[in-house]
Amino acid sequence: MSITLQAPFALHGRNPDVLTCIANLSNDEVFTPPEFANRMLDTLAEAWAADNGGADIWADSSVRFLDPCTKSGVFLREITSRLTKGLEREIPDLQERVTHILTKQVFGIGITQITALLARRSVYCSKWANGEHSIAKGFEDASGNIWFERMEHTWVDGRCTYCGAPKATFDRGGDRESHAYAFIHTDDIKARVAEIFGGDMQFDVIVGNPPYQLDDGGYGTSAAPIYQHFVTQAKALEPKHLSMVIPARWFSGGKGLDEFRESMLGDNRLRSIDDFLSAADVFPGVGLKGGVCYFLWDKEQPGQCAVTTHFKDWPVSTVIRPTIEPGTDVFIRFNNGLSILKKAMAVENGTTSSLALPENKRFDGLVSSRKPFGLATTFKGRVTKREGDLLVYQNGGTGYTPRESISTGLDLIDSWKVYVGRAAPGTGNRDTYPHRVISTPFIGEPGSISSETYLCIGPFESKSQAESVLSYLSCRLTRLLILLHKPSQDTTRKVYTFVPTQDWTKQWTDAELYAKYGITDDEIAFIEKVVRPMELTGDFVDEVLVVEDDD
């Protein structure tokens, strides 16, 4: 038997594995570590067995796999390795077995020229599938079943109609990658796949790690997500199983994700979500705020979803539950957080049948929209106060502006209020716990306003009422309820959806809130692991961050 053929499989377990060593292309196009790819494939194999009377997917020579966004080729390589072992009894000859797997069962679509070449080397051990060093015999085309051709965007009014890429950034010459990914730049994905692979193709399994976003030149502050398009197209191919690893920010929607969130949460074929609170636990060294998840979609076995939370050395929590709870429009991320939310809603609503607060008990009704006084984040008031000027809390400090220049939020100007930053301070690009969740709030006196840098909470009749609200926002339980609706560092009004109003004649403490809602010691321990204590001074503290625009 040829040692050339045996080597890719016989030496597969040796360290270091080259695919653990390569650097990521960017935070948007992230290589999947082999260990994590195998975790996803294990989940897939378990689901296949459950749906097929215990059958081993790796011992089935008819199953077809597609990675529609292959980069390093790790999924295709690991699938090939598993099939090589699983099909040994059915196809004893190693060369025949490997050729069958690579020509009939394993398919990929490269996202760039370089990743397609890398994937072919990973899978075929040659950048040319029909080359003399390729372990697959029978390919006539150099690409084999790992296809790539440069595509172009379709520009309308300066944007790509398929992915939203800005023409100013991505209308490039032929010597640079266009990032017009073939899988999502089509109105008929089945026809496109048939065109790519030369005939009608029905894939049993689609698995991958799609590109996450396209930066339009805003240094990450205005990058549009695109991973949702890959998921939608994959579903349209109607595989039996679909599994992808994607950012977890879709749980609460946001920029370009609301429709995708609704389609996912309303789909009872979404059978499992493995949620990793810190992306660094999956992709070391990659700065992805909000964590990542991988999901399993099962076309033929609808039902409730097994939600599993992973974070460092915390105990792994798995609960089988609906993806969308009555009265909510977001995915409740923490299993423990869901039980706490239900307790709070039961007290406020008198029932557990809905997690929606009555209109008169919704704290978000006190929270302003963006630009509470019509002033952008870039607004800078004058340094010196003139008669009749309003004090402006703005990015970088304070300033002054004439009262007559303000036409929005007039009912708030001469009342007491509380200001809180639209962006919550973090720790660089890493997700760490416990979180502060919101920036430090402070009291706004009558005659003050703010730029878009801050949200305004109010109005209140007295300073003591504002101080009561301030104490409430400092409580860990309050900020946990905010966190359950918060997809990123951006804290718009909607993240206060689960927060009930209280009696604003007293100072609030966590002990009082825990007693009011019947929070157990175990639940308190969970809250304290997730939410950091907050020290209040009541004074203005400038904690301005650049906000990723999710609205």
Protein backbone atom coordinates (compact mmCIF):
# COMPACT_ATOMS: atom_id res chain seq x y z
CA MET A 1 0.00 0.00 0.00
CA SER A 2 1.31 3.42 -0.92
CA ILE A 3 2.71 5.35 2.05
CA THR A 4 1.66 8.54 0.23
CA LEU A 5 -1.96 7.51 0.52
CA GLN A 6 -1.75 6.29 4.08
CA ALA A 7 0.11 9.26 5.51
CA PRO A 8 -2.75 11.79 5.68
CA PHE A 9 -4.77 9.38 7.79
CA ALA A 10 -2.10 7.42 9.64
CA LEU A 11 -0.39 10.59 10.83
CA HIS A 12 -3.57 12.54 11.43
CA GLY A 13 -3.37 12.34 15.21
CA ARG A 14 0.19 13.64 15.46
CA ASN A 15 0.92 17.10 16.85
CA PRO A 16 1.15 19.79 15.84
CA ASP A 17 -1.74 19.76 13.44
CA VAL A 18 -1.00 22.48 10.91
CA LEU A 19 -4.61 23.68 11.03
CA THR A 20 -4.18 24.54 14.71
CA CYS A 21 -1.24 26.78 13.85
CA ILE A 22 -2.43 28.99 10.99
CA ALA A 23 -3.40 32.57 11.70
CA ASN A 24 -6.90 33.86 11.07
CA LEU A 25 -7.50 36.00 8.00
CA SER A 26 -9.35 38.56 10.17
CA ASN A 27 -11.99 38.75 12.88
CA ASP A 28 -14.53 38.39 10.07
CA GLU A 29 -13.12 35.28 8.37
CA VAL A 30 -12.08 33.01 11.21
CA PHE A 31 -10.50 29.58 10.84
CA THR A 32 -12.19 26.82 12.83
CA PRO A 33 -9.91 24.88 15.19
CA PRO A 34 -9.95 21.12 14.42
CA GLU A 35 -11.06 20.27 17.96
CA PHE A 36 -14.09 22.52 17.66
CA ALA A 37 -14.96 21.24 14.19
CA ASN A 38 -14.95 17.73 15.62
CA ARG A 39 -17.24 18.81 18.46
CA MET A 40 -19.74 20.02 15.87
CA LEU A 41 -19.41 16.79 13.89
CA ASP A 42 -20.01 14.77 17.07
CA THR A 43 -23.27 16.67 17.63
CA LEU A 44 -24.22 16.03 14.03
CA ALA A 45 -23.48 12.30 14.28
CA GLU A 46 -25.59 12.00 17.44
CA ALA A 47 -28.54 13.67 15.73
CA TRP A 48 -28.16 11.46 12.66
CA ALA A 49 -28.18 8.34 14.83
CA ALA A 50 -31.25 9.57 16.73
CA ASP A 51 -33.10 10.14 13.46
CA ASN A 52 -31.99 6.90 11.80
CA GLY A 53 -32.40 4.15 14.37
CA GLY A 54 -28.89 4.44 15.74
CA ALA A 55 -27.18 4.37 12.33
CA ASP A 56 -23.58 5.56 12.04
CA ILE A 57 -23.39 8.43 9.58
CA TRP A 58 -19.70 7.72 9.01
CA ALA A 59 -20.49 4.19 7.82
CA ASP A 60 -22.91 5.38 5.13
CA SER A 61 -21.36 5.68 1.67
CA SER A 62 -24.38 7.52 0.25
CA VAL A 63 -24.37 10.56 2.56
CA ARG A 64 -23.33 13.81 0.87
CA PHE A 65 -21.65 16.65 2.77
CA LEU A 66 -21.20 20.32 1.79
CA ASP A 67 -19.16 23.09 3.37
CA PRO A 68 -20.42 26.16 1.47
CA CYS A 69 -17.88 28.53 3.01
CA THR A 70 -14.73 26.50 3.34
CA LYS A 71 -11.56 28.25 4.44
CA SER A 72 -8.95 25.88 5.88
CA GLY A 73 -10.88 22.79 4.78
CA VAL A 74 -11.00 21.52 8.35
CA PHE A 75 -14.62 20.31 8.22
CA LEU A 76 -14.07 18.47 4.95
CA ARG A 77 -10.81 16.98 6.20
CA GLU A 78 -12.34 15.72 9.44
CA ILE A 79 -15.39 14.36 7.63
CA THR A 80 -13.10 12.55 5.20
CA SER A 81 -11.07 11.09 8.05
CA ARG A 82 -14.20 9.81 9.82
CA LEU A 83 -15.64 8.33 6.64
CA THR A 84 -12.33 6.64 5.87
CA LYS A 85 -12.58 4.73 9.13
CA GLY A 86 -16.35 4.19 9.03
CA LEU A 87 -16.46 2.78 5.50
CA GLU A 88 -13.57 0.36 5.95
CA ARG A 89 -15.86 -2.68 6.09
CA GLU A 90 -17.97 -1.65 3.08
CA ILE A 91 -15.00 -0.55 0.94
CA PRO A 92 -11.92 -2.46 2.18
CA ASP A 93 -9.44 -1.07 -0.36
CA LEU A 94 -8.08 2.21 1.02
CA GLN A 95 -7.45 3.85 -2.35
CA GLU A 96 -10.90 2.96 -3.62
CA ARG A 97 -12.46 4.09 -0.35
CA VAL A 98 -10.72 7.46 -0.28
CA THR A 99 -11.48 8.12 -3.93
CA HIS A 100 -15.14 7.30 -3.39
CA ILE A 101 -15.35 9.64 -0.39
CA LEU A 102 -13.62 12.56 -2.09
CA THR A 103 -15.38 12.25 -5.44
CA LYS A 104 -18.88 11.26 -4.30
CA GLN A 105 -19.42 12.45 -0.72
CA VAL A 106 -17.39 15.53 0.23
CA PHE A 107 -17.94 18.94 -1.40
CA GLY A 108 -16.86 22.48 -0.64
CA ILE A 109 -17.13 26.04 -1.93
CA GLY A 110 -14.11 28.22 -1.21
CA ILE A 111 -14.66 31.79 -0.06
CA THR A 112 -11.45 33.11 -1.66
CA GLN A 113 -8.80 31.85 -4.04
CA ILE A 114 -6.29 31.32 -1.24
CA THR A 115 -8.72 29.46 1.04
CA ALA A 116 -9.78 27.20 -1.81
CA LEU A 117 -6.14 26.26 -2.39
CA LEU A 118 -5.63 25.76 1.35
CA ALA A 119 -8.72 23.57 1.60
CA ARG A 120 -7.58 21.41 -1.32
CA ARG A 121 -4.22 20.90 0.33
CA SER A 122 -5.97 19.94 3.57
CA VAL A 123 -8.34 17.48 1.88
CA TYR A 124 -6.54 16.23 -1.24
CA CYS A 125 -2.98 16.81 0.05
CA SER A 126 -2.47 18.81 -3.13
CA LYS A 127 -3.63 22.21 -4.31
CA TRP A 128 -4.68 20.44 -7.51
CA ALA A 129 -7.27 17.69 -7.05
CA ASN A 130 -6.05 15.94 -10.21
CA GLY A 131 -2.36 16.43 -9.48
CA GLU A 132 0.15 13.63 -9.07
CA HIS A 133 0.27 14.11 -5.29
CA SER A 134 -3.51 14.15 -4.81
CA ILE A 135 -4.80 11.26 -2.72
CA ALA A 136 -8.01 11.23 -4.79
CA LYS A 137 -7.95 9.42 -8.12
CA GLY A 138 -10.57 10.13 -10.74
CA PHE A 139 -10.84 13.91 -10.81
CA GLU A 140 -10.46 15.43 -14.24
CA ASP A 141 -10.72 19.01 -12.99
CA ALA A 142 -7.98 20.57 -10.87
CA SER A 143 -10.54 21.95 -8.42
CA GLY A 144 -12.05 18.57 -7.65
CA ASN A 145 -15.09 19.05 -5.45
CA ILE A 146 -13.69 22.17 -3.77
CA TRP A 147 -14.86 24.91 -6.09
CA PHE A 148 -13.92 28.55 -6.34
CA GLU A 149 -14.40 31.18 -8.99
CA ARG A 150 -14.18 34.91 -8.51
CA MET A 151 -17.63 36.51 -8.37
CA GLU A 152 -18.63 40.15 -8.64
CA HIS A 153 -21.13 42.13 -6.62
CA THR A 154 -24.35 43.42 -8.11
CA TRP A 155 -24.42 47.15 -7.46
CA VAL A 156 -27.63 49.12 -7.02
CA ASP A 157 -27.48 52.62 -5.51
CA GLY A 158 -23.96 52.01 -4.24
CA ARG A 159 -24.68 48.72 -2.46
CA CYS A 160 -24.63 45.05 -3.42
CA THR A 161 -28.19 43.78 -3.67
CA TYR A 162 -27.18 40.40 -2.20
CA CYS A 163 -24.83 41.14 0.69
CA GLY A 164 -25.09 44.92 1.16
CA ALA A 165 -21.37 45.50 0.52
CA PRO A 166 -20.58 49.16 -0.23
CA LYS A 167 -19.40 49.77 -3.78
CA ALA A 168 -16.90 52.38 -2.60
CA THR A 169 -15.01 49.70 -0.65
CA PHE A 170 -15.52 46.48 -2.60
CA ASP A 171 -15.60 47.58 -6.26
CA ARG A 172 -12.04 46.40 -6.71
CA GLY A 173 -9.80 45.46 -9.56
CA GLY A 174 -9.28 41.85 -10.56
CA ASP A 175 -6.06 41.63 -8.56
CA ARG A 176 -7.91 41.82 -5.21
CA GLU A 177 -10.55 39.57 -3.68
CA SER A 178 -14.06 40.88 -4.23
CA HIS A 179 -15.54 38.97 -1.26
CA ALA A 180 -18.64 38.40 -3.37
CA TYR A 181 -19.26 34.94 -1.96
CA ALA A 182 -20.84 32.65 -4.55
CA PHE A 183 -23.15 30.88 -2.09
CA ILE A 184 -25.05 34.04 -1.18
CA HIS A 185 -24.85 35.97 -4.47
CA THR A 186 -27.72 34.23 -6.20
CA ASP A 187 -31.50 34.23 -6.26
CA ASP A 188 -31.66 30.47 -6.87
CA ILE A 189 -29.22 28.56 -4.70
CA LYS A 190 -30.26 25.15 -6.01
CA ALA A 191 -29.52 26.22 -9.59
CA ARG A 192 -26.23 27.77 -8.49
CA VAL A 193 -25.10 24.58 -6.75
CA ALA A 194 -26.12 22.51 -9.76
CA GLU A 195 -24.08 24.84 -11.95
CA ILE A 196 -21.05 24.62 -9.64
CA PHE A 197 -20.97 20.84 -9.29
CA GLY A 198 -22.37 19.86 -12.67
CA GLY A 199 -25.81 18.46 -11.96
CA ASP A 200 -28.68 18.37 -9.51
CA MET A 201 -27.18 18.00 -6.05
CA GLN A 202 -29.01 17.01 -2.89
CA PHE A 203 -26.84 17.33 0.21
CA ASP A 204 -27.72 15.42 3.33
CA VAL A 205 -25.50 17.53 5.58
CA ILE A 206 -24.35 21.15 5.31
CA VAL A 207 -21.75 22.27 7.83
CA GLY A 208 -19.41 25.24 8.08
CA ASN A 209 -18.17 28.48 9.56
CA PRO A 210 -19.27 31.36 7.29
CA PRO A 211 -17.69 34.81 7.03
CA TYR A 212 -19.21 36.98 9.72
CA GLN A 213 -19.34 40.50 8.31
CA LEU A 214 -18.19 42.91 5.63
CA ASP A 215 -16.51 46.03 6.96
CA ASP A 216 -17.51 49.08 4.96
CA GLY A 217 -14.51 51.10 6.05
CA GLY A 218 -15.84 52.16 9.44
CA TYR A 219 -13.13 50.30 11.37
CA GLY A 220 -15.65 47.77 12.62
CA THR A 221 -18.17 50.33 13.86
CA SER A 222 -20.42 50.00 10.80
CA ALA A 223 -19.67 46.49 9.55
CA ALA A 224 -22.72 44.68 8.24
CA PRO A 225 -23.27 41.03 9.25
CA ILE A 226 -23.49 38.52 6.39
CA TYR A 227 -23.40 35.12 8.13
CA GLN A 228 -27.20 35.05 8.24
CA HIS A 229 -27.31 34.88 4.44
CA PHE A 230 -25.26 31.67 4.48
CA VAL A 231 -27.66 30.07 6.96
CA THR A 232 -30.70 31.12 4.94
CA GLN A 233 -29.23 29.79 1.69
CA ALA A 234 -28.23 26.53 3.34
CA LYS A 235 -31.79 25.99 4.58
CA ALA A 236 -33.05 26.64 1.06
CA LEU A 237 -31.02 23.62 -0.14
CA GLU A 238 -33.15 21.49 2.20
CA PRO A 239 -30.47 19.27 3.72
CA LYS A 240 -31.43 16.75 6.37
CA HIS A 241 -29.07 18.44 8.81
CA LEU A 242 -27.46 21.87 8.96
CA SER A 243 -24.84 22.99 11.47
CA MET A 244 -22.89 26.25 11.46
CA VAL A 245 -20.84 28.24 13.95
CA ILE A 246 -21.83 31.91 13.93
CA PRO A 247 -21.69 34.97 16.22
CA ALA A 248 -24.33 34.84 18.97
CA ARG A 249 -25.48 38.42 18.55
CA TRP A 250 -28.44 37.29 16.44
CA PHE A 251 -30.09 36.09 19.66
CA SER A 252 -31.39 39.61 20.24
CA GLY A 253 -31.39 40.83 16.63
CA GLY A 254 -29.73 44.11 15.78
CA LYS A 255 -28.26 45.54 12.62
CA GLY A 256 -29.61 43.52 9.70
CA LEU A 257 -30.49 40.57 11.94
CA ASP A 258 -34.08 41.11 13.09
CA GLU A 259 -35.66 39.16 10.23
CA PHE A 260 -33.07 36.40 10.60
CA ARG A 261 -33.68 36.18 14.36
CA GLU A 262 -37.42 35.84 13.80
CA SER A 263 -36.94 33.13 11.18
CA MET A 264 -34.57 31.14 13.39
CA LEU A 265 -36.53 31.43 16.62
CA GLY A 266 -39.76 30.60 14.85
CA ASP A 267 -38.28 27.46 13.27
CA ASN A 268 -38.96 24.33 15.33
CA ARG A 269 -36.36 22.45 13.32
CA LEU A 270 -33.67 24.30 15.29
CA ARG A 271 -32.95 21.42 17.65
CA SER A 272 -29.84 22.48 19.55
CA ILE A 273 -27.80 25.59 20.29
CA ASP A 274 -24.41 25.38 21.95
CA ASP A 275 -23.72 28.87 23.22
CA PHE A 276 -20.19 30.01 24.12
CA LEU A 277 -20.31 33.24 26.10
CA SER A 278 -16.74 34.10 25.17
CA ALA A 279 -15.60 33.75 21.56
CA ALA A 280 -12.05 33.36 22.85
CA ASP A 281 -13.03 29.96 24.27
CA VAL A 282 -13.63 28.81 20.69
CA PHE A 283 -11.34 31.04 18.62
CA PRO A 284 -8.32 31.97 20.76
CA GLY A 285 -7.06 35.46 20.08
CA VAL A 286 -10.08 36.55 18.06
CA GLY A 287 -11.95 39.65 19.20
CA LEU A 288 -15.63 38.86 18.66
CA LYS A 289 -17.90 40.61 21.14
CA GLY A 290 -20.97 38.76 22.31
CA GLY A 291 -19.67 35.20 22.01
CA VAL A 292 -20.41 32.56 19.39
CA CYS A 293 -22.71 29.59 19.03
CA TYR A 294 -23.15 26.58 16.85
CA PHE A 295 -26.56 25.19 16.08
CA LEU A 296 -28.05 22.01 14.70
CA TRP A 297 -31.03 22.25 12.35
CA ASP A 298 -32.89 18.99 11.73
CA LYS A 299 -35.27 19.07 8.77
CA GLU A 300 -37.14 15.88 9.60
CA GLN A 301 -37.38 16.01 13.41
CA PRO A 302 -38.98 19.26 14.63
CA GLY A 303 -39.31 19.90 18.34
CA GLN A 304 -37.98 21.97 21.21
CA CYS A 305 -34.37 23.12 21.37
CA ALA A 306 -31.58 21.80 23.62
CA VAL A 307 -29.85 24.99 24.79
CA THR A 308 -26.38 24.52 26.26
CA THR A 309 -24.31 27.30 27.83
CA HIS A 310 -20.50 27.07 27.93
CA PHE A 311 -18.13 29.43 29.70
CA LYS A 312 -14.64 28.56 30.91
CA ASP A 313 -14.85 26.47 34.09
CA TRP A 314 -18.54 27.10 34.78
CA PRO A 315 -20.72 23.98 34.98
CA VAL A 316 -22.23 23.29 31.57
CA SER A 317 -25.98 24.00 31.62
CA THR A 318 -28.38 22.28 29.20
CA VAL A 319 -32.14 22.83 29.12
CA ILE A 320 -34.61 21.65 26.49
CA ARG A 321 -36.96 24.55 25.92
CA PRO A 322 -38.72 26.70 23.30
CA THR A 323 -36.43 29.07 21.45
CA ILE A 324 -38.95 31.85 21.88
CA GLU A 325 -40.79 32.34 25.16
CA PRO A 326 -44.35 33.75 25.26
CA GLY A 327 -44.26 37.54 25.39
CA THR A 328 -40.69 37.87 24.11
CA ASP A 329 -39.12 38.51 20.75
CA VAL A 330 -35.54 37.55 21.61
CA PHE A 331 -33.74 34.39 22.59
CA ILE A 332 -33.09 34.27 26.35
CA ARG A 333 -29.44 33.38 26.46
CA PHE A 334 -28.84 32.05 29.95
CA ASN A 335 -30.83 29.06 31.16
CA ASN A 336 -30.46 30.28 34.74
CA GLY A 337 -31.36 33.79 33.60
CA LEU A 338 -34.60 32.51 32.11
CA SER A 339 -35.74 31.04 35.42
CA ILE A 340 -34.98 34.34 37.17
CA LEU A 341 -36.82 36.32 34.51
CA LYS A 342 -39.86 34.08 34.87
CA LYS A 343 -39.91 34.71 38.63
CA ALA A 344 -39.79 38.47 38.14
CA MET A 345 -42.53 38.39 35.53
CA ALA A 346 -44.72 36.15 37.70
CA VAL A 347 -44.62 38.77 40.47
CA GLU A 348 -45.25 41.69 38.12
CA ASN A 349 -47.83 39.96 35.90
CA GLY A 350 -49.40 37.59 38.39
CA THR A 351 -48.80 34.76 35.90
CA THR A 352 -45.99 32.86 34.19
CA SER A 353 -47.87 32.48 30.90
CA SER A 354 -46.21 35.54 29.40
CA LEU A 355 -42.90 37.32 29.89
CA ALA A 356 -44.30 40.61 28.61
CA LEU A 357 -44.68 43.35 31.21
CA PRO A 358 -47.89 45.36 31.45
CA GLU A 359 -47.56 48.76 29.81
CA ASN A 360 -47.70 50.61 33.14
CA LYS A 361 -44.83 48.56 34.57
CA ARG A 362 -42.33 48.85 31.72
CA PHE A 363 -39.13 50.66 32.63
CA ASP A 364 -38.26 51.10 28.96
CA GLY A 365 -41.11 53.61 28.80
CA LEU A 366 -38.92 55.94 30.87
CA VAL A 367 -35.91 55.54 28.56
CA SER A 368 -35.37 57.87 25.66
CA SER A 369 -34.68 56.87 22.09
CA ARG A 370 -31.37 57.68 20.44
CA LYS A 371 -30.57 61.39 20.31
CA PRO A 372 -32.89 62.29 23.21
CA PHE A 373 -32.38 65.99 22.46
CA GLY A 374 -31.60 65.71 18.76
CA LEU A 375 -27.82 66.07 19.18
CA ALA A 376 -25.45 63.63 17.48
CA THR A 377 -22.52 61.98 19.28
CA THR A 378 -20.17 64.34 17.42
CA PHE A 379 -21.89 67.43 18.83
CA LYS A 380 -19.62 69.77 20.77
CA GLY A 381 -21.14 72.59 22.80
CA ARG A 382 -19.31 75.80 23.41
CA VAL A 383 -16.90 75.98 26.29
CA THR A 384 -18.21 79.16 27.89
CA LYS A 385 -21.75 79.41 29.24
CA ARG A 386 -23.92 82.30 28.13
CA GLU A 387 -27.16 83.49 29.69
CA GLY A 388 -29.97 81.01 29.06
CA ASP A 389 -27.65 78.23 27.87
CA LEU A 390 -28.30 74.58 28.67
CA LEU A 391 -25.61 72.32 30.09
CA VAL A 392 -24.79 69.53 27.61
CA TYR A 393 -23.33 66.17 28.64
CA GLN A 394 -21.41 65.17 25.55
CA ASN A 395 -18.67 62.91 24.27
CA GLY A 396 -15.56 63.87 26.21
CA GLY A 397 -17.13 66.02 28.90
CA THR A 398 -19.60 68.90 29.00
CA GLY A 399 -20.44 72.02 27.01
CA TYR A 400 -23.19 74.58 26.56
CA THR A 401 -25.78 75.33 23.89
CA PRO A 402 -28.62 77.86 23.55
CA ARG A 403 -32.00 76.61 24.75
CA GLU A 404 -33.66 77.78 21.55
CA SER A 405 -31.43 75.45 19.50
CA ILE A 406 -33.15 72.40 21.02
CA SER A 407 -36.46 71.21 19.58
CA THR A 408 -36.53 67.58 20.82
CA GLY A 409 -37.04 66.23 24.34
CA LEU A 410 -38.43 69.51 25.61
CA ASP A 411 -40.40 67.78 28.39
CA LEU A 412 -37.15 66.48 29.85
CA ILE A 413 -35.11 69.68 29.91
CA ASP A 414 -36.44 71.22 33.12
CA SER A 415 -36.99 67.96 35.01
CA TRP A 416 -34.73 65.68 37.00
CA LYS A 417 -33.49 62.68 35.04
CA VAL A 418 -30.81 60.01 34.90
CA TYR A 419 -28.25 59.74 32.12
CA VAL A 420 -26.62 56.47 31.08
CA GLY A 421 -24.16 55.87 28.25
CA ARG A 422 -25.37 54.18 25.09
CA ALA A 423 -22.26 52.01 25.18
CA ALA A 424 -21.29 49.81 28.10
CA PRO A 425 -17.55 49.86 28.90
CA GLY A 426 -15.81 46.58 28.24
CA THR A 427 -12.34 45.10 28.32
CA GLY A 428 -10.99 45.49 24.83
CA ASN A 429 -12.27 42.89 22.41
CA ARG A 430 -12.75 40.07 24.91
CA ASP A 431 -15.92 38.87 26.56
CA THR A 432 -15.31 38.62 30.28
CA TYR A 433 -17.60 37.98 33.21
CA PRO A 434 -18.84 39.40 35.44
CA HIS A 435 -20.08 42.28 33.23
CA ARG A 436 -21.02 45.75 34.30
CA VAL A 437 -23.73 45.57 31.59
CA ILE A 438 -24.28 49.35 31.51
CA SER A 439 -22.02 52.34 32.00
CA THR A 440 -22.22 54.18 35.32
CA PRO A 441 -25.45 56.22 35.36
CA PHE A 442 -25.58 59.70 36.86
CA ILE A 443 -28.20 62.29 37.75
CA GLY A 444 -29.09 65.03 35.33
CA GLU A 445 -30.24 68.26 36.89
CA PRO A 446 -32.98 70.53 35.49
CA GLY A 447 -31.55 72.66 32.70
CA SER A 448 -29.30 69.91 31.40
CA ILE A 449 -29.43 67.86 28.19
CA SER A 450 -27.17 65.34 26.47
CA SER A 451 -25.87 64.34 23.08
CA GLU A 452 -26.53 60.94 21.51
CA THR A 453 -23.66 59.62 23.62
CA TYR A 454 -26.18 59.17 26.44
CA LEU A 455 -29.73 57.94 26.87
CA CYS A 456 -32.00 59.96 29.11
CA ILE A 457 -34.22 58.27 31.71
CA GLY A 458 -37.11 60.31 33.08
CA PRO A 459 -38.64 62.76 33.63
CA PHE A 460 -38.83 62.77 37.44
CA GLU A 461 -40.39 65.34 39.75
CA SER A 462 -37.62 65.38 42.33
CA LYS A 463 -33.97 64.62 42.85
CA SER A 464 -34.91 61.89 45.35
CA GLN A 465 -36.86 60.04 42.65
CA ALA A 466 -33.88 60.23 40.32
CA GLU A 467 -31.67 58.93 43.13
CA SER A 468 -34.07 56.01 43.62
CA VAL A 469 -33.77 55.11 39.93
CA LEU A 470 -30.01 55.43 40.19
CA SER A 471 -29.93 52.95 43.06
CA TYR A 472 -32.16 50.56 41.10
CA LEU A 473 -29.87 50.60 38.07
CA SER A 474 -26.90 49.80 40.28
CA CYS A 475 -28.53 46.56 41.47
CA ARG A 476 -27.16 43.39 39.95
CA LEU A 477 -30.60 41.87 39.39
CA THR A 478 -31.73 44.93 37.41
CA ARG A 479 -28.66 44.74 35.21
CA LEU A 480 -29.10 40.99 34.68
CA LEU A 481 -32.58 41.70 33.28
CA ILE A 482 -30.98 44.25 30.95
CA LEU A 483 -28.32 41.74 29.91
CA LEU A 484 -30.96 39.18 28.91
CA HIS A 485 -32.07 41.54 26.14
CA LYS A 486 -28.67 43.00 25.25
CA PRO A 487 -26.88 41.62 22.15
CA SER A 488 -23.81 43.87 22.26
CA GLN A 489 -22.21 46.78 24.09
CA ASP A 490 -24.90 49.05 22.63
CA THR A 491 -27.59 49.75 25.23
CA THR A 492 -30.54 51.21 23.39
CA ARG A 493 -33.99 51.63 24.92
CA LYS A 494 -35.11 48.14 23.85
CA VAL A 495 -32.60 46.40 26.15
CA TYR A 496 -34.68 47.61 29.12
CA THR A 497 -37.69 45.58 27.90
CA PHE A 498 -37.56 43.04 30.74
CA VAL A 499 -36.97 45.62 33.51
CA PRO A 500 -40.05 46.44 35.62
CA THR A 501 -40.63 49.83 37.19
CA GLN A 502 -40.54 50.15 40.99
CA ASP A 503 -41.59 52.50 43.76
CA TRP A 504 -39.34 55.56 43.32
CA THR A 505 -39.70 56.77 46.91
CA LYS A 506 -36.88 54.61 48.32
CA GLN A 507 -33.32 53.45 47.74
CA TRP A 508 -33.18 49.98 46.19
CA THR A 509 -30.80 47.15 47.06
CA ASP A 510 -30.30 43.70 45.64
CA ALA A 511 -31.35 42.16 48.93
CA GLU A 512 -34.78 43.82 48.61
CA LEU A 513 -35.15 42.76 44.97
CA TYR A 514 -34.07 39.19 45.73
CA ALA A 515 -36.69 39.00 48.47
CA LYS A 516 -39.40 40.57 46.31
CA TYR A 517 -38.92 38.07 43.47
CA GLY A 518 -38.02 34.98 45.50
CA ILE A 519 -34.51 34.59 44.12
CA THR A 520 -32.74 31.53 45.55
CA ASP A 521 -29.17 31.30 46.83
CA ASP A 522 -28.12 29.38 43.71
CA GLU A 523 -29.68 32.03 41.51
CA ILE A 524 -27.96 34.78 43.48
CA ALA A 525 -24.64 32.99 42.96
CA PHE A 526 -25.33 32.89 39.22
CA ILE A 527 -26.18 36.61 39.14
CA GLU A 528 -22.97 37.46 40.97
CA LYS A 529 -20.94 35.43 38.47
CA VAL A 530 -22.49 37.27 35.55
CA VAL A 531 -22.97 40.84 36.80
CA ARG A 532 -20.29 42.96 38.44
CA PRO A 533 -20.99 45.25 41.43
CA MET A 534 -21.42 48.93 40.58
CA GLU A 535 -20.26 51.80 42.75
CA LEU A 536 -22.31 54.98 42.37
CA THR A 537 -21.24 58.53 43.05
CA GLY A 538 -24.23 60.25 41.46
CA ASP A 539 -21.80 62.53 39.66
CA PHE A 540 -21.03 62.68 35.96
CA VAL A 541 -18.45 60.11 34.91
CA ASP A 542 -17.31 60.23 31.28
CA GLU A 543 -17.18 56.62 30.04
CA VAL A 544 -17.70 57.17 26.36
CA LEU A 545 -17.09 54.36 23.90
CA VAL A 546 -17.54 54.02 20.17
CA VAL A 547 -20.81 52.20 19.68
CA GLU A 548 -21.45 49.53 17.07
CA ASP A 549 -24.66 50.67 15.42
CA ASP A 550 -27.08 47.79 15.89
CA ASP A 551 -30.35 49.66 15.50
